[in-house]
């Protein structure tokens, strides 16, 4: 990679008055003190330097950028079509990236980072060309230094029709057809969960006269109101937590509530309660399959409450979409997904704690729009969009995958 950045930044990091071995919070505060005495023009050059790195993402068709900390080995790294690649044209010492990162933060963000050792935020670039460039950032400690990941937010919403959902699934996701219920979009980090949720929210925004509340950490894509009011509330900025935002939303006359992530027991129970009260709720989990998602929700709560949560989940669950992004044969990435619709049989299996039955229901539920990840991987392989090796390696059930491909 050729990263010939045009802005030369003065080495103000050499003026950091800290011993080599200090804690991360002490180093963060030292960087902040140094920056307060630094000329505004120099600080602006430092900010532009970082922004030029971000703009390089467009040139490389990259989704993420990483910098700082010992793990980056003094380089900036880009994720290009799923693979991390270092840019070796320029090297940054640790305190140089520490100062560059802290320079992006407000005083309150500096304090949050120093106290909590991690900070999530959104970042925007305005170059006066009318292009909306937004990024989701995470800054965190690594062995007493700062590291940062920034992910490019796709401000162009993928059309809902492009996901190829079965008509029964599309109806279940629409407020016009079903006024309540919990839908989960699951997958590992970087699997496209946000893009799928944005497409679902956009489809409802275009077709429903409603009020949509989005609680995110941080706010990524901003939806413009079309037929719906769309509120965006950022955790740590507009509301204290996902749970607090969900509880407060009940007093805001919502129709759809989107909770960015079911991170803990309290948020899970709150999501079930607001759905049970008659709202349409969407959220995400870091799980790889529909059955794992159900198991995770039940397993996150206290043992003596699991039976109650299991029954409530069976009552309110509408749909689970579990997805992965994998390399495609054209050198890019393609979406593979597993889709579960909560019909009477699925609900009974959840209540009776027979989650092993659900995989068979997915296998046989094609008429209702259900399918396993393995069935979708076979579809992509048959269409020559993925290789045989990737079809097997990305499958959750590799034995079943080999059977579908007639390899056993």
Protein backbone atom coordinates (compact mmCIF):
# COMPACT_ATOMS: atom_id res chain seq x y z
CA UNK A 1 0.00 0.00 0.00
CA UNK A 2 1.15 3.52 -0.80
CA UNK A 3 0.01 5.93 1.86
CA UNK A 4 1.78 9.15 0.88
CA UNK A 5 -0.06 11.50 3.22
CA UNK A 6 0.38 15.15 2.31
CA UNK A 7 0.20 16.66 5.80
CA UNK A 8 3.44 16.69 7.80
CA UNK A 9 2.73 16.84 11.52
CA UNK A 10 5.21 18.42 13.97
CA UNK A 11 6.63 15.89 16.49
CA UNK A 12 4.97 17.45 19.52
CA UNK A 13 4.75 14.00 21.12
CA UNK A 14 8.47 14.35 21.93
CA UNK A 15 7.44 16.97 24.53
CA UNK A 16 5.39 14.46 26.55
CA UNK A 17 6.63 14.70 30.14
CA UNK A 18 5.90 11.13 31.29
CA UNK A 19 8.16 8.25 32.33
CA UNK A 20 8.34 5.24 30.05
CA UNK A 21 6.36 3.04 32.41
CA UNK A 22 3.17 4.83 33.48
CA UNK A 23 -0.42 3.67 33.47
CA UNK A 24 -2.64 4.33 30.47
CA UNK A 25 -4.82 6.86 32.30
CA UNK A 26 -1.75 8.88 33.34
CA UNK A 27 -0.49 8.86 29.75
CA UNK A 28 -3.93 9.93 28.44
CA UNK A 29 -4.03 12.88 30.83
CA UNK A 30 -0.44 13.82 29.91
CA UNK A 31 -1.40 13.87 26.22
CA UNK A 32 -4.43 16.02 27.01
CA UNK A 33 -2.29 18.51 29.01
CA UNK A 34 0.22 18.75 26.18
CA UNK A 35 -2.50 19.37 23.61
CA UNK A 36 -4.01 22.20 25.67
CA UNK A 37 -0.74 24.12 25.27
CA UNK A 38 -0.36 23.24 21.57
CA UNK A 39 -1.12 25.77 18.83
CA UNK A 40 -4.59 25.29 17.32
CA UNK A 41 -3.13 25.26 13.82
CA UNK A 42 -0.88 22.33 14.71
CA UNK A 43 -3.80 20.47 16.29
CA UNK A 44 -5.83 21.02 13.13
CA UNK A 45 -2.97 19.57 11.03
CA UNK A 46 -2.97 16.51 13.30
CA UNK A 47 -6.71 16.06 12.87
CA UNK A 48 -6.44 16.41 9.09
CA UNK A 49 -3.64 13.83 9.10
CA UNK A 50 -5.97 11.29 10.70
CA UNK A 51 -8.77 12.24 8.31
CA UNK A 52 -6.48 11.71 5.33
CA UNK A 53 -5.88 8.18 6.61
CA UNK A 54 -9.63 7.65 6.74
CA UNK A 55 -10.11 9.00 3.23
CA UNK A 56 -7.57 6.44 2.01
CA UNK A 57 -10.17 3.81 2.93
CA UNK A 58 -12.17 4.85 -0.12
CA UNK A 59 -9.15 4.35 -2.38
CA UNK A 60 -8.42 0.90 -0.95
CA UNK A 61 -12.11 -0.10 -0.68
CA UNK A 62 -11.43 -0.76 3.00
CA UNK A 63 -14.00 -1.16 5.74
CA UNK A 64 -11.79 -0.53 8.81
CA UNK A 65 -8.61 1.19 9.89
CA UNK A 66 -6.46 0.31 12.94
CA UNK A 67 -3.65 2.30 14.48
CA UNK A 68 -1.75 2.69 17.75
CA UNK A 69 -0.64 0.27 20.42
CA UNK A 70 2.09 -2.34 20.21
CA UNK A 71 -0.07 -4.70 18.15
CA UNK A 72 0.03 -2.47 15.08
CA UNK A 73 3.86 -2.56 15.06
CA UNK A 74 4.11 1.18 14.28
CA UNK A 75 1.95 0.94 11.13
CA UNK A 76 -1.59 1.82 10.10
CA UNK A 77 -3.62 -1.22 9.06
CA UNK A 78 -6.63 -1.43 6.72
CA UNK A 79 -9.20 -4.21 6.40
CA UNK A 80 -9.72 -4.78 2.68
CA UNK A 81 -12.41 -7.27 1.66
CA UNK A 82 -12.07 -9.02 5.01
CA UNK A 83 -8.26 -9.11 5.28
CA UNK A 84 -6.07 -6.86 7.47
CA UNK A 85 -3.21 -5.26 5.52
CA UNK A 86 -0.48 -2.98 6.96
CA UNK A 87 0.50 0.26 5.27
CA UNK A 88 4.28 0.29 5.65
CA UNK A 89 4.98 3.63 3.98
CA UNK A 90 5.03 5.50 7.32
CA UNK A 91 5.92 4.46 10.87
CA UNK A 92 4.47 5.93 14.07
CA UNK A 93 6.02 5.62 17.51
CA UNK A 94 3.66 4.78 20.34
CA UNK A 95 3.42 8.24 21.91
CA UNK A 96 2.90 9.76 18.47
CA UNK A 97 -0.29 7.74 17.97
CA UNK A 98 -1.29 8.37 21.60
CA UNK A 99 -1.25 12.14 20.97
CA UNK A 100 -2.93 11.83 17.55
CA UNK A 101 -5.78 9.83 19.06
CA UNK A 102 -6.32 12.03 22.14
CA UNK A 103 -6.36 15.08 19.85
CA UNK A 104 -9.66 13.80 18.40
CA UNK A 105 -11.43 13.82 21.78
CA UNK A 106 -13.40 16.29 23.85
CA UNK A 107 -12.55 16.83 27.53
CA UNK A 108 -15.44 14.61 28.64
CA UNK A 109 -14.37 11.86 26.26
CA UNK A 110 -10.81 12.04 27.61
CA UNK A 111 -12.14 11.52 31.14
CA UNK A 112 -14.38 8.64 30.05
CA UNK A 113 -11.47 6.94 28.29
CA UNK A 114 -9.13 7.39 31.26
CA UNK A 115 -11.71 6.06 33.73
CA UNK A 116 -13.16 3.20 31.66
CA UNK A 117 -10.16 2.20 29.49
CA UNK A 118 -12.38 2.18 26.39
CA UNK A 119 -14.48 4.68 24.47
CA UNK A 120 -16.98 4.28 21.63
CA UNK A 121 -17.82 7.31 19.52
CA UNK A 122 -18.88 8.41 16.08
CA UNK A 123 -16.72 10.64 13.89
CA UNK A 124 -17.56 12.72 10.82
CA UNK A 125 -15.48 14.33 8.09
CA UNK A 126 -16.70 17.47 6.34
CA UNK A 127 -14.53 18.47 3.39
CA UNK A 128 -17.14 20.82 1.95
CA UNK A 129 -17.88 18.58 -1.03
CA UNK A 130 -21.36 17.54 0.10
CA UNK A 131 -20.29 13.95 0.81
CA UNK A 132 -21.42 12.54 4.16
CA UNK A 133 -18.47 10.58 5.58
CA UNK A 134 -19.09 8.98 8.96
CA UNK A 135 -17.16 6.47 11.03
CA UNK A 136 -17.71 4.37 14.14
CA UNK A 137 -14.67 4.51 16.41
CA UNK A 138 -13.48 2.46 19.35
CA UNK A 139 -10.48 3.66 21.36
CA UNK A 140 -9.01 1.36 23.98
CA UNK A 141 -5.93 0.58 26.05
CA UNK A 142 -3.27 -1.89 24.98
CA UNK A 143 -0.39 -2.37 27.43
CA UNK A 144 -0.61 1.23 28.70
CA UNK A 145 -0.88 2.81 25.25
CA UNK A 146 -3.84 3.74 23.07
CA UNK A 147 -5.16 1.78 20.11
CA UNK A 148 -7.98 2.80 17.80
CA UNK A 149 -10.24 1.13 15.28
CA UNK A 150 -12.46 3.16 12.98
CA UNK A 151 -15.09 1.54 10.77
CA UNK A 152 -16.55 3.30 7.77
CA UNK A 153 -20.29 3.73 8.07
CA UNK A 154 -22.06 3.02 4.82
CA UNK A 155 -24.35 6.04 4.46
CA UNK A 156 -26.06 4.46 1.48
CA UNK A 157 -28.74 2.08 2.70
CA UNK A 158 -28.81 -1.22 0.87
CA UNK A 159 -32.29 -1.73 -0.65
CA UNK A 160 -34.39 -4.12 1.41
CA UNK A 161 -35.26 -6.14 -1.68
CA UNK A 162 -31.58 -6.82 -2.24
CA UNK A 163 -31.49 -9.14 0.80
CA UNK A 164 -33.77 -11.63 -0.92
CA UNK A 165 -36.01 -12.26 2.08
CA UNK A 166 -38.95 -14.60 1.53
CA UNK A 167 -42.34 -12.76 1.41
CA UNK A 168 -43.34 -14.33 4.75
CA UNK A 169 -40.16 -12.99 6.37
CA UNK A 170 -40.63 -9.56 4.78
CA UNK A 171 -44.15 -9.39 6.22
CA UNK A 172 -42.91 -10.35 9.68
CA UNK A 173 -40.37 -7.51 9.58
CA UNK A 174 -42.97 -4.91 8.56
CA UNK A 175 -44.91 -2.88 11.11
CA UNK A 176 -47.83 -2.74 8.66
CA UNK A 177 -48.23 -6.50 8.89
CA UNK A 178 -47.14 -7.25 12.47
CA UNK A 179 -47.33 -4.55 15.13
CA UNK A 180 -45.26 -6.30 17.81
CA UNK A 181 -42.56 -8.90 18.26
CA UNK A 182 -38.80 -9.21 18.76
CA UNK A 183 -36.49 -9.63 15.77
CA UNK A 184 -32.81 -10.42 16.31
CA UNK A 185 -30.06 -9.84 13.75
CA UNK A 186 -27.02 -11.80 14.88
CA UNK A 187 -23.44 -12.46 13.83
CA UNK A 188 -19.86 -11.74 14.76
CA UNK A 189 -18.40 -8.24 14.61
CA UNK A 190 -18.14 -7.13 10.98
CA UNK A 191 -20.82 -9.49 9.69
CA UNK A 192 -23.05 -6.69 8.41
CA UNK A 193 -25.65 -6.66 11.20
CA UNK A 194 -25.96 -2.87 11.14
CA UNK A 195 -26.48 -2.82 7.36
CA UNK A 196 -29.27 -5.38 7.63
CA UNK A 197 -30.97 -3.51 10.46
CA UNK A 198 -30.66 -0.21 8.60
CA UNK A 199 -32.35 -1.75 5.56
CA UNK A 200 -35.21 -3.07 7.73
CA UNK A 201 -35.64 0.28 9.49
CA UNK A 202 -35.54 2.10 6.15
CA UNK A 203 -38.22 -0.19 4.68
CA UNK A 204 -40.51 0.60 7.62
CA UNK A 205 -39.62 4.31 7.44
CA UNK A 206 -40.71 4.35 3.77
CA UNK A 207 -43.96 2.43 4.22
CA UNK A 208 -45.30 3.07 7.74
CA UNK A 209 -46.81 6.12 9.46
CA UNK A 210 -45.04 5.55 12.75
CA UNK A 211 -42.48 6.61 15.36
CA UNK A 212 -39.13 4.77 15.31
CA UNK A 213 -36.65 5.09 18.21
CA UNK A 214 -33.08 3.94 17.57
CA UNK A 215 -30.78 3.48 20.59
CA UNK A 216 -27.17 2.99 19.46
CA UNK A 217 -23.60 2.96 20.75
CA UNK A 218 -22.62 5.00 18.85
CA UNK A 219 -25.14 6.31 16.32
CA UNK A 220 -23.97 5.20 12.90
CA UNK A 221 -26.19 5.80 9.87
CA UNK A 222 -28.71 8.61 10.45
CA UNK A 223 -32.14 7.93 8.94
CA UNK A 224 -34.00 10.91 7.54
CA UNK A 225 -37.71 10.89 8.40
CA UNK A 226 -39.85 9.79 5.47
CA UNK A 227 -43.25 8.48 6.51
CA UNK A 228 -42.04 7.93 10.08
CA UNK A 229 -40.54 10.03 12.84
CA UNK A 230 -37.05 8.60 13.41
CA UNK A 231 -35.24 9.40 16.69
CA UNK A 232 -31.56 8.56 17.22
CA UNK A 233 -30.30 8.32 20.81
CA UNK A 234 -26.63 7.64 21.46
CA UNK A 235 -25.54 5.76 24.57
CA UNK A 236 -23.24 7.95 26.66
CA UNK A 237 -24.37 11.08 24.83
CA UNK A 238 -28.17 11.18 24.92
CA UNK A 239 -28.87 8.33 27.30
CA UNK A 240 -26.91 6.44 29.96
CA UNK A 241 -27.36 2.87 28.66
CA UNK A 242 -29.28 0.66 26.23
CA UNK A 243 -31.60 -0.34 29.06
CA UNK A 244 -32.26 3.26 30.12
CA UNK A 245 -32.96 4.26 26.53
CA UNK A 246 -35.38 1.38 26.06
CA UNK A 247 -37.27 2.17 29.29
CA UNK A 248 -37.44 5.88 28.47
CA UNK A 249 -38.66 5.16 24.94
CA UNK A 250 -41.87 3.67 26.32
CA UNK A 251 -42.90 7.21 27.38
CA UNK A 252 -42.18 8.60 23.91
CA UNK A 253 -45.10 6.96 22.06
CA UNK A 254 -42.98 4.65 19.88
CA UNK A 255 -44.09 1.99 17.40
CA UNK A 256 -40.64 0.51 16.66
CA UNK A 257 -37.74 0.41 19.13
CA UNK A 258 -34.29 -0.59 17.93
CA UNK A 259 -31.85 -1.50 20.73
CA UNK A 260 -28.31 -1.58 19.37
CA UNK A 261 -27.21 -4.67 21.30
CA UNK A 262 -28.50 -7.02 23.99
CA UNK A 263 -25.33 -6.82 26.06
CA UNK A 264 -26.44 -7.95 29.51
CA UNK A 265 -29.20 -9.50 31.58
CA UNK A 266 -30.97 -6.23 32.34
CA UNK A 267 -31.07 -5.13 28.70
CA UNK A 268 -32.35 -8.56 27.62
CA UNK A 269 -35.16 -8.50 30.19
CA UNK A 270 -36.04 -4.92 29.25
CA UNK A 271 -36.22 -5.85 25.54
CA UNK A 272 -38.57 -8.72 26.34
CA UNK A 273 -40.74 -6.48 28.53
CA UNK A 274 -41.13 -3.69 25.98
CA UNK A 275 -41.92 -6.21 23.26
CA UNK A 276 -44.43 -7.93 25.54
CA UNK A 277 -46.09 -4.54 26.08
CA UNK A 278 -47.00 -4.47 22.38
CA UNK A 279 -44.07 -2.88 20.56
CA UNK A 280 -42.06 -4.01 17.57
CA UNK A 281 -38.47 -4.42 18.74
CA UNK A 282 -35.23 -5.05 16.86
CA UNK A 283 -31.81 -5.80 18.34
CA UNK A 284 -28.52 -7.64 17.79
CA UNK A 285 -26.47 -10.39 19.40
CA UNK A 286 -22.94 -11.64 18.76
CA UNK A 287 -24.03 -15.20 17.98
CA UNK A 288 -23.53 -17.40 14.92
CA UNK A 289 -26.88 -19.19 14.60
CA UNK A 290 -30.55 -18.95 15.49
CA UNK A 291 -30.40 -21.67 18.13
CA UNK A 292 -27.27 -20.16 19.68
CA UNK A 293 -29.08 -16.80 19.86
CA UNK A 294 -32.02 -18.30 21.76
CA UNK A 295 -29.65 -20.20 24.04
CA UNK A 296 -27.59 -17.03 24.69
CA UNK A 297 -30.63 -14.97 25.73
CA UNK A 298 -31.80 -17.62 28.17
CA UNK A 299 -28.29 -18.34 29.45
CA UNK A 300 -27.54 -14.67 30.18
CA UNK A 301 -30.18 -14.43 32.92
CA UNK A 302 -30.07 -15.77 36.46
CA UNK A 303 -30.84 -19.50 36.71
CA UNK A 304 -33.93 -18.96 38.82
CA UNK A 305 -35.39 -16.66 36.15
CA UNK A 306 -34.55 -18.71 33.07
CA UNK A 307 -37.90 -20.51 32.91
CA UNK A 308 -39.77 -17.20 32.99
CA UNK A 309 -37.49 -15.69 30.32
CA UNK A 310 -37.82 -18.83 28.16
CA UNK A 311 -41.62 -18.56 28.21
CA UNK A 312 -41.59 -14.84 27.54
CA UNK A 313 -39.14 -15.25 24.66
CA UNK A 314 -41.38 -17.93 23.15
CA UNK A 315 -44.28 -15.46 23.32
CA UNK A 316 -42.55 -12.46 21.73
CA UNK A 317 -39.91 -13.80 19.32
CA UNK A 318 -40.75 -13.09 15.69
CA UNK A 319 -37.60 -13.71 13.67
CA UNK A 320 -33.88 -14.45 13.99
CA UNK A 321 -31.51 -13.57 11.13
CA UNK A 322 -28.00 -14.93 11.70
CA UNK A 323 -25.46 -13.87 9.11
CA UNK A 324 -21.85 -14.02 7.98
CA UNK A 325 -19.86 -12.10 5.40
CA UNK A 326 -17.47 -14.32 3.49
CA UNK A 327 -15.07 -13.93 0.56
CA UNK A 328 -16.75 -14.10 -2.83
CA UNK A 329 -15.25 -15.43 -6.04
CA UNK A 330 -15.01 -11.88 -7.45
CA UNK A 331 -12.59 -10.84 -4.69
CA UNK A 332 -15.17 -9.00 -2.60
CA UNK A 333 -17.56 -10.30 0.08
CA UNK A 334 -21.01 -11.81 -0.01
CA UNK A 335 -23.70 -12.25 2.65
CA UNK A 336 -24.81 -15.69 3.84
CA UNK A 337 -27.64 -15.90 6.33
CA UNK A 338 -29.79 -18.24 8.40
CA UNK A 339 -33.43 -17.23 8.90
CA UNK A 340 -35.79 -18.49 11.59
CA UNK A 341 -39.47 -17.50 11.82
CA UNK A 342 -41.10 -18.17 15.18
CA UNK A 343 -44.16 -20.24 14.23
CA UNK A 344 -46.15 -22.40 16.66
CA UNK A 345 -43.69 -25.30 16.46
CA UNK A 346 -40.67 -23.06 17.13
CA UNK A 347 -42.42 -21.43 20.09
CA UNK A 348 -43.24 -24.85 21.56
CA UNK A 349 -39.63 -25.97 21.16
CA UNK A 350 -38.41 -22.85 23.01
CA UNK A 351 -40.92 -23.36 25.86
CA UNK A 352 -40.02 -27.02 26.21
CA UNK A 353 -36.28 -26.30 25.99
CA UNK A 354 -35.94 -28.52 22.92
CA UNK A 355 -33.65 -26.23 20.95
CA UNK A 356 -32.14 -29.19 19.08
CA UNK A 357 -35.44 -29.53 17.21
CA UNK A 358 -35.17 -26.03 15.78
CA UNK A 359 -32.37 -26.89 13.36
CA UNK A 360 -34.63 -29.49 11.73
CA UNK A 361 -37.44 -26.95 11.56
CA UNK A 362 -35.06 -24.58 9.76
CA UNK A 363 -34.14 -27.36 7.33
CA UNK A 364 -37.77 -28.07 6.52
CA UNK A 365 -39.21 -24.54 6.73
CA UNK A 366 -38.48 -23.33 3.21
CA UNK A 367 -42.16 -22.73 2.45
CA UNK A 368 -42.22 -20.15 5.26
CA UNK A 369 -38.92 -18.49 4.32
CA UNK A 370 -36.77 -20.40 6.81
CA UNK A 371 -33.43 -21.96 6.00
CA UNK A 372 -30.17 -22.92 7.67
CA UNK A 373 -26.87 -21.19 7.09
CA UNK A 374 -25.67 -24.38 5.37
CA UNK A 375 -28.56 -24.27 2.88
CA UNK A 376 -27.73 -20.65 2.07
CA UNK A 377 -24.04 -21.46 1.64
CA UNK A 378 -25.00 -24.22 -0.81
CA UNK A 379 -27.13 -21.71 -2.73
CA UNK A 380 -24.16 -19.37 -2.99
CA UNK A 381 -21.84 -22.20 -4.03
CA UNK A 382 -24.27 -23.41 -6.70
CA UNK A 383 -24.43 -19.85 -8.02
CA UNK A 384 -20.60 -19.83 -8.14
CA UNK A 385 -20.44 -16.89 -5.76
CA UNK A 386 -18.26 -18.70 -3.21
CA UNK A 387 -15.67 -21.45 -3.35
CA UNK A 388 -16.14 -24.99 -2.06
CA UNK A 389 -13.51 -24.39 0.62
CA UNK A 390 -15.30 -21.31 1.97
CA UNK A 391 -18.68 -23.02 1.88
CA UNK A 392 -17.29 -25.64 4.26
CA UNK A 393 -15.12 -23.39 6.43
CA UNK A 394 -17.90 -20.84 7.11
CA UNK A 395 -20.58 -23.44 7.88
CA UNK A 396 -21.75 -23.86 11.47
CA UNK A 397 -22.57 -27.53 10.90
CA UNK A 398 -19.76 -28.81 8.71
CA UNK A 399 -21.06 -32.39 8.61
CA UNK A 400 -24.40 -31.18 7.27
CA UNK A 401 -22.60 -28.88 4.82
CA UNK A 402 -20.66 -31.80 3.37
CA UNK A 403 -23.88 -33.79 3.04
CA UNK A 404 -25.54 -30.97 1.12
CA UNK A 405 -22.53 -30.78 -1.19
CA UNK A 406 -22.59 -34.59 -1.68
CA UNK A 407 -19.08 -34.93 -0.27
CA UNK A 408 -19.94 -37.70 2.23
